[in-house]
Structures are given as structure tokens and as C-alpha cells.
């Protein structure tokens, strides 16, 4: 399995399309959760970006949002 690096590329510099797709989907899900919780959606974008750097999955991010 290719190691993910900053910018969504693997060790050889190839773009990880699956990772980019997950990032797009995760952002939409986070905005929806933030809207349901009555919080600012722009906060979700920052949290999503930070979580993706740590390669957290969508469910983990949403659970963390619900606990805060």
C-alpha cells in the first residue's frame, strides 16, 4: 500500500484519486453535521482538513464533532 504524503500523493508522486474523492465526500458530510448541530459550517472545513492530515476516517471525525 502506498504511503500518503502531503498533497494527496504517494511516495512516487502519483496523485491518490481515492483519497481526494474521500476528502470531498467527508467535507460535505461534516458541513451537514455542523448544520444539524447549529454550528458554523466554516469550522467544519478546518476540522476536516486537519483530520485528513492525520488520515482519520469520516466516522471518526463526525464522532469527535458530536462529543465537543
Protein backbone atom coordinates (compact mmCIF):
# COMPACT_ATOMS: atom_id res chain seq x y z
CA UNK A 1 0.00 0.00 0.00
CA UNK A 2 1.31 3.43 -0.96
CA UNK A 3 2.19 5.79 1.85
CA UNK A 4 0.17 9.00 1.73
CA UNK A 5 2.05 12.27 1.78
CA UNK A 6 1.01 15.93 1.95
CA UNK A 7 -0.89 16.99 -1.16
CA UNK A 8 -2.59 13.63 -1.68
CA UNK A 9 0.36 12.00 -3.42
CA UNK A 10 2.15 8.74 -2.75
CA UNK A 11 5.91 8.23 -2.38
CA UNK A 12 6.37 8.17 -6.16
CA UNK A 13 4.44 11.42 -6.63
CA UNK A 14 1.30 9.84 -8.06
CA UNK A 15 -1.95 11.56 -7.15
CA UNK A 16 -4.14 9.42 -4.90
CA UNK A 17 -7.52 9.83 -6.56
CA UNK A 18 -9.37 7.74 -3.98
CA UNK A 19 -8.03 9.91 -1.17
CA UNK A 20 -9.14 13.08 -2.99
CA UNK A 21 -12.63 11.63 -3.50
CA UNK A 22 -12.92 10.74 0.19
CA UNK A 23 -11.80 14.24 1.11
CA UNK A 24 -14.62 15.77 -0.98
CA UNK A 25 -17.23 13.43 0.48
CA UNK A 26 -16.01 13.98 4.03
CA UNK A 27 -16.23 17.73 3.72
CA UNK A 28 -19.88 17.56 2.65
CA UNK A 29 -20.74 15.19 5.50
CA UNK A 30 -19.05 17.42 8.05
CA UNK A 31 -20.88 20.51 6.83
CA UNK A 32 -24.16 18.63 7.12
CA UNK A 33 -23.37 17.56 10.71
CA UNK A 34 -22.33 21.08 11.68
CA UNK A 35 -25.58 22.44 10.22
CA UNK A 36 -27.59 19.89 12.22
CA UNK A 37 -25.72 20.85 15.39
CA UNK A 38 -26.35 24.54 14.70
CA UNK A 39 -22.66 25.40 14.48
CA UNK A 40 -20.69 27.38 11.94
CA UNK A 41 -20.01 25.39 8.80
CA UNK A 42 -16.64 27.07 8.16
CA UNK A 43 -15.31 25.43 11.34
CA UNK A 44 -16.07 22.04 9.80
CA UNK A 45 -13.85 22.79 6.82
CA UNK A 46 -10.86 23.46 9.08
CA UNK A 47 -11.54 20.39 11.20
CA UNK A 48 -11.89 18.26 8.09
CA UNK A 49 -8.56 19.45 6.70
CA UNK A 50 -6.78 18.75 9.99
CA UNK A 51 -8.35 15.31 10.30
CA UNK A 52 -7.36 14.40 6.73
CA UNK A 53 -3.74 15.23 7.57
CA UNK A 54 -3.99 12.58 10.29
CA UNK A 55 -5.83 10.25 7.87
CA UNK A 56 -8.84 9.93 10.15
CA UNK A 57 -11.91 8.42 8.56
CA UNK A 58 -15.23 10.22 8.19
CA UNK A 59 -16.95 8.39 11.06
CA UNK A 60 -14.16 9.32 13.49
CA UNK A 61 -14.37 12.99 12.52
CA UNK A 62 -18.14 13.09 12.99
CA UNK A 63 -17.93 11.34 16.37
CA UNK A 64 -15.35 13.88 17.52
CA UNK A 65 -17.65 16.72 16.44
CA UNK A 66 -20.58 15.25 18.36
CA UNK A 67 -18.52 14.92 21.55
CA UNK A 68 -17.34 18.55 21.58
